[in-house]
């Protein structure tokens, strides 16, 4: 199953640090592949939530591995 924007947002917003670490590369792959991430351009609200979630819960995380 290919990840969708909704799936990625749910992964970004989860609290479990272990799962965040596991999904990081999957998110990078999703965002990097224009064929997989066609919905990024069509749903600006979801993209805004994704960026906000990454900025607030990952960048400000107390776990240095999640921040990286």
N, C-alpha and C. Protein backbone atom coordinates (compact mmCIF):
# COMPACT_ATOMS: atom_id res chain seq x y z
N UNK A 1 0.83 -1.18 0.00
CA UNK A 1 0.00 0.00 0.00
C UNK A 1 0.88 1.25 0.00
N UNK A 2 0.61 2.14 -0.93
CA UNK A 2 1.34 3.40 -1.01
C UNK A 2 0.83 4.36 0.06
N UNK A 3 1.71 5.10 0.70
CA UNK A 3 1.25 6.07 1.69
C UNK A 3 0.48 7.21 1.03
N UNK A 4 -0.45 7.76 1.77
CA UNK A 4 -1.21 8.91 1.30
C UNK A 4 -0.90 10.09 2.22
N UNK A 5 -1.40 11.24 1.86
CA UNK A 5 -1.19 12.43 2.67
C UNK A 5 -1.80 12.24 4.06
N UNK A 6 -2.97 11.62 4.14
CA UNK A 6 -3.62 11.39 5.44
C UNK A 6 -2.78 10.46 6.31
N UNK A 7 -2.24 9.42 5.70
CA UNK A 7 -1.39 8.48 6.42
C UNK A 7 -0.15 9.20 6.96
N UNK A 8 0.49 9.98 6.11
CA UNK A 8 1.70 10.70 6.51
C UNK A 8 1.42 11.68 7.64
N UNK A 9 0.30 12.39 7.55
CA UNK A 9 -0.05 13.33 8.61
C UNK A 9 -0.27 12.60 9.92
N UNK A 10 -0.95 11.47 9.88
CA UNK A 10 -1.18 10.68 11.10
C UNK A 10 0.15 10.23 11.70
N UNK A 11 1.12 9.86 10.85
CA UNK A 11 2.42 9.44 11.34
C UNK A 11 3.19 10.60 11.97
N UNK A 12 3.07 11.77 11.38
CA UNK A 12 3.75 12.96 11.91
C UNK A 12 3.20 13.35 13.27
N UNK A 13 1.90 13.23 13.45
CA UNK A 13 1.26 13.71 14.68
C UNK A 13 1.26 12.69 15.82
N UNK A 14 1.72 11.47 15.59
CA UNK A 14 1.71 10.48 16.66
C UNK A 14 2.73 10.82 17.74
N UNK A 15 2.50 10.33 18.93
CA UNK A 15 3.35 10.65 20.07
C UNK A 15 4.48 9.65 20.28
N UNK A 16 4.34 8.44 19.76
CA UNK A 16 5.32 7.37 19.99
C UNK A 16 6.63 7.68 19.26
N UNK A 17 7.69 7.91 20.01
CA UNK A 17 8.99 8.29 19.45
C UNK A 17 9.55 7.17 18.57
N UNK A 18 9.39 5.94 18.98
CA UNK A 18 9.90 4.81 18.20
C UNK A 18 9.27 4.76 16.82
N UNK A 19 7.97 4.99 16.75
CA UNK A 19 7.28 4.98 15.47
C UNK A 19 7.69 6.18 14.62
N UNK A 20 7.93 7.30 15.24
CA UNK A 20 8.41 8.48 14.50
C UNK A 20 9.73 8.18 13.82
N UNK A 21 10.62 7.53 14.55
CA UNK A 21 11.92 7.20 13.99
C UNK A 21 11.79 6.23 12.82
N UNK A 22 10.86 5.29 12.91
CA UNK A 22 10.67 4.31 11.85
C UNK A 22 10.08 4.93 10.59
N UNK A 23 9.22 5.90 10.74
CA UNK A 23 8.50 6.45 9.60
C UNK A 23 9.24 7.61 8.92
N UNK A 24 10.30 8.09 9.51
CA UNK A 24 11.02 9.23 8.95
C UNK A 24 11.47 9.02 7.51
N UNK A 25 12.11 7.89 7.22
CA UNK A 25 12.58 7.63 5.86
C UNK A 25 11.41 7.44 4.91
N UNK A 26 10.34 6.85 5.39
CA UNK A 26 9.15 6.66 4.56
C UNK A 26 8.56 8.02 4.14
N UNK A 27 8.55 8.97 5.05
CA UNK A 27 8.07 10.31 4.73
C UNK A 27 8.98 10.99 3.71
N UNK A 28 10.27 10.85 3.87
CA UNK A 28 11.22 11.44 2.92
C UNK A 28 11.00 10.85 1.53
N UNK A 29 10.84 9.54 1.46
CA UNK A 29 10.61 8.89 0.17
C UNK A 29 9.31 9.37 -0.46
N UNK A 30 8.28 9.52 0.34
CA UNK A 30 6.97 9.97 -0.15
C UNK A 30 7.07 11.39 -0.72
N UNK A 31 7.68 12.29 0.02
CA UNK A 31 7.79 13.67 -0.42
C UNK A 31 8.71 13.82 -1.63
N UNK A 32 9.69 12.97 -1.74
CA UNK A 32 10.66 13.06 -2.83
C UNK A 32 10.13 12.53 -4.17
N UNK A 33 9.19 11.63 -4.13
CA UNK A 33 8.66 11.00 -5.34
C UNK A 33 7.40 11.72 -5.81
N UNK A 34 7.51 12.47 -6.89
CA UNK A 34 6.37 13.26 -7.39
C UNK A 34 5.20 12.39 -7.82
N UNK A 35 5.46 11.17 -8.24
CA UNK A 35 4.37 10.28 -8.65
C UNK A 35 3.58 9.78 -7.45
N UNK A 36 4.24 9.55 -6.33
CA UNK A 36 3.57 9.09 -5.13
C UNK A 36 2.84 10.23 -4.42
N UNK A 37 3.38 11.42 -4.49
CA UNK A 37 2.88 12.54 -3.70
C UNK A 37 2.12 13.55 -4.54
N UNK A 38 1.34 13.09 -5.49
CA UNK A 38 0.58 14.00 -6.34
C UNK A 38 -0.45 14.81 -5.55
N UNK A 39 -0.91 14.29 -4.42
CA UNK A 39 -1.92 15.00 -3.63
C UNK A 39 -1.35 16.17 -2.84
N UNK A 40 -0.03 16.33 -2.80
CA UNK A 40 0.57 17.46 -2.06
C UNK A 40 0.15 18.81 -2.65
N UNK A 41 0.09 18.89 -3.95
CA UNK A 41 -0.24 20.16 -4.60
C UNK A 41 -1.72 20.49 -4.52
N UNK A 42 -2.55 19.48 -4.32
CA UNK A 42 -3.99 19.67 -4.37
C UNK A 42 -4.62 19.96 -3.02
N UNK A 43 -3.94 19.66 -1.95
CA UNK A 43 -4.53 19.83 -0.62
C UNK A 43 -3.61 20.68 0.25
N UNK A 44 -3.69 21.98 0.06
CA UNK A 44 -2.82 22.91 0.77
C UNK A 44 -3.05 22.87 2.29
N UNK A 45 -4.29 22.67 2.70
CA UNK A 45 -4.60 22.62 4.13
C UNK A 45 -3.91 21.44 4.79
N UNK A 46 -3.94 20.28 4.15
CA UNK A 46 -3.29 19.09 4.70
C UNK A 46 -1.78 19.30 4.73
N UNK A 47 -1.24 19.91 3.70
CA UNK A 47 0.20 20.18 3.65
C UNK A 47 0.59 21.15 4.77
N UNK A 48 -0.22 22.16 5.02
CA UNK A 48 0.04 23.10 6.12
C UNK A 48 0.04 22.38 7.46
N UNK A 49 -0.90 21.47 7.65
CA UNK A 49 -0.95 20.70 8.90
C UNK A 49 0.29 19.82 9.05
N UNK A 50 0.73 19.25 7.92
CA UNK A 50 1.91 18.39 7.94
C UNK A 50 3.15 19.19 8.35
N UNK A 51 3.35 20.33 7.73
CA UNK A 51 4.52 21.18 8.04
C UNK A 51 4.45 21.66 9.49
N UNK A 52 3.26 22.07 9.94
CA UNK A 52 3.09 22.52 11.32
C UNK A 52 3.39 21.38 12.29
N UNK A 53 2.91 20.19 11.98
CA UNK A 53 3.17 19.03 12.84
C UNK A 53 4.65 18.70 12.91
N UNK A 54 5.33 18.75 11.77
CA UNK A 54 6.77 18.49 11.77
C UNK A 54 7.53 19.55 12.56
N UNK A 55 7.14 20.79 12.38
CA UNK A 55 7.83 21.89 13.06
C UNK A 55 7.61 21.87 14.56
N UNK A 56 6.39 21.60 14.98
CA UNK A 56 6.11 21.68 16.41
C UNK A 56 6.43 20.40 17.17
N UNK A 57 6.13 19.24 16.59
CA UNK A 57 6.32 18.03 17.38
C UNK A 57 7.62 17.29 17.07
N UNK A 58 8.22 17.50 15.92
CA UNK A 58 9.46 16.81 15.60
C UNK A 58 10.67 17.71 15.85
N UNK A 59 10.67 18.91 15.32
CA UNK A 59 11.82 19.80 15.46
C UNK A 59 12.02 20.20 16.92
N UNK A 60 10.93 20.35 17.65
CA UNK A 60 11.01 20.74 19.06
C UNK A 60 11.03 19.54 20.00
N UNK A 61 11.20 18.35 19.47
CA UNK A 61 11.22 17.13 20.28
C UNK A 61 12.42 17.12 21.22
N UNK A 62 12.25 16.52 22.38
CA UNK A 62 13.37 16.38 23.30
C UNK A 62 14.29 15.23 22.90
N UNK A 63 13.85 14.39 21.96
CA UNK A 63 14.66 13.29 21.48
C UNK A 63 15.49 13.78 20.28
N UNK A 64 16.81 13.75 20.43
CA UNK A 64 17.66 14.31 19.38
C UNK A 64 17.56 13.53 18.07
N UNK A 65 17.27 12.24 18.13
CA UNK A 65 17.14 11.46 16.89
C UNK A 65 15.91 11.88 16.11
N UNK A 66 14.84 12.21 16.78
CA UNK A 66 13.62 12.68 16.11
C UNK A 66 13.89 14.04 15.48
N UNK A 67 14.58 14.91 16.20
CA UNK A 67 14.90 16.23 15.65
C UNK A 67 15.71 16.14 14.37
N UNK A 68 16.63 15.20 14.33
CA UNK A 68 17.47 15.04 13.13
C UNK A 68 16.62 14.63 11.96
